[in-house]
């Protein structure tokens, strides 16, 4: 991997499922990748110039730096963004 280049995988864990599934891959750091996924998949907003820095409800892991989570209560799932 080139220095300064990050690949981020977005995972989805649905309530009642024992397995987390990969739902997207982005070539940016985890925080903006999760923002982009939330804006695109939940809000159908593809105007990336207007994305916020953070979406309300996002949180960084307390134990692992640069691992981000979002509780999507409406769809009964947790979204996670991890660097590869």
Protein backbone atom coordinates (compact mmCIF):
# COMPACT_ATOMS: atom_id res chain seq x y z
CA UNK A 1 0.00 0.00 0.00
CA UNK A 2 1.30 3.46 -0.87
CA UNK A 3 1.98 5.85 1.98
CA UNK A 4 -0.87 8.32 2.42
CA UNK A 5 -3.35 6.03 0.69
CA UNK A 6 -6.03 4.46 2.85
CA UNK A 7 -8.63 1.89 1.97
CA UNK A 8 -11.62 1.66 4.28
CA UNK A 9 -14.14 -1.14 4.45
CA UNK A 10 -17.68 -0.42 5.66
CA UNK A 11 -19.30 -3.30 7.54
CA UNK A 12 -22.93 -3.83 8.49
CA UNK A 13 -24.12 -5.92 11.42
CA UNK A 14 -27.87 -6.40 11.36
CA UNK A 15 -29.77 -7.13 14.54
CA UNK A 16 -30.19 -10.87 14.96
CA UNK A 17 -27.40 -11.73 12.52
CA UNK A 18 -24.22 -13.38 13.78
CA UNK A 19 -22.16 -12.12 10.82
CA UNK A 20 -20.94 -8.66 9.81
CA UNK A 21 -21.09 -8.12 6.04
CA UNK A 22 -18.95 -5.82 3.92
CA UNK A 23 -21.27 -3.32 2.22
CA UNK A 24 -18.84 -0.78 0.74
CA UNK A 25 -15.21 0.11 0.15
CA UNK A 26 -13.82 3.65 0.02
CA UNK A 27 -10.36 5.03 -0.73
CA UNK A 28 -10.41 7.55 2.12
CA UNK A 29 -9.90 7.35 5.88
CA UNK A 30 -12.60 5.64 7.98
CA UNK A 31 -14.29 8.77 9.37
CA UNK A 32 -15.03 10.43 5.99
CA UNK A 33 -15.80 7.01 4.50
CA UNK A 34 -18.49 6.39 7.10
CA UNK A 35 -19.91 9.90 6.58
CA UNK A 36 -20.05 9.25 2.82
CA UNK A 37 -21.74 5.86 3.27
CA UNK A 38 -24.33 7.28 5.66
CA UNK A 39 -25.10 10.26 3.42
CA UNK A 40 -25.34 8.09 0.30
CA UNK A 41 -27.17 5.05 1.65
CA UNK A 42 -29.49 6.69 4.20
CA UNK A 43 -30.07 10.14 2.71
CA UNK A 44 -29.51 9.50 -1.03
CA UNK A 45 -27.16 12.51 -1.03
CA UNK A 46 -24.32 12.20 -3.53
CA UNK A 47 -23.22 15.84 -3.39
CA UNK A 48 -19.91 15.11 -1.68
CA UNK A 49 -18.94 18.79 -1.54
CA UNK A 50 -21.65 19.40 1.06
CA UNK A 51 -21.01 16.46 3.39
CA UNK A 52 -20.58 17.29 7.07
CA UNK A 53 -17.35 16.41 8.86
CA UNK A 54 -19.33 14.06 11.12
CA UNK A 55 -22.90 12.75 11.25
CA UNK A 56 -24.75 12.93 14.57
CA UNK A 57 -24.58 9.52 16.20
CA UNK A 58 -21.13 8.57 14.87
CA UNK A 59 -18.54 7.61 17.41
CA UNK A 60 -14.91 6.53 17.41
CA UNK A 61 -13.94 3.32 19.17
CA UNK A 62 -12.78 3.78 22.76
CA UNK A 63 -10.19 1.05 22.31
CA UNK A 64 -8.95 1.21 18.70
CA UNK A 65 -7.98 4.49 17.06
CA UNK A 66 -9.54 5.35 13.69
CA UNK A 67 -12.34 2.75 13.93
CA UNK A 68 -15.74 4.42 13.58
CA UNK A 69 -19.30 3.27 14.30
CA UNK A 70 -22.84 4.45 13.64
CA UNK A 71 -26.02 3.03 15.15
CA UNK A 72 -28.67 2.97 12.42
CA UNK A 73 -31.64 2.39 14.70
CA UNK A 74 -34.23 2.79 11.93
CA UNK A 75 -32.76 -0.14 9.99
CA UNK A 76 -31.77 -2.12 13.10
CA UNK A 77 -28.09 -2.32 12.28
CA UNK A 78 -24.67 -1.00 13.26
CA UNK A 79 -22.33 0.36 10.61
CA UNK A 80 -18.58 0.17 11.14
CA UNK A 81 -15.67 1.68 9.22
CA UNK A 82 -12.21 0.13 9.53
CA UNK A 83 -8.98 0.90 7.68
CA UNK A 84 -7.49 -1.97 5.69
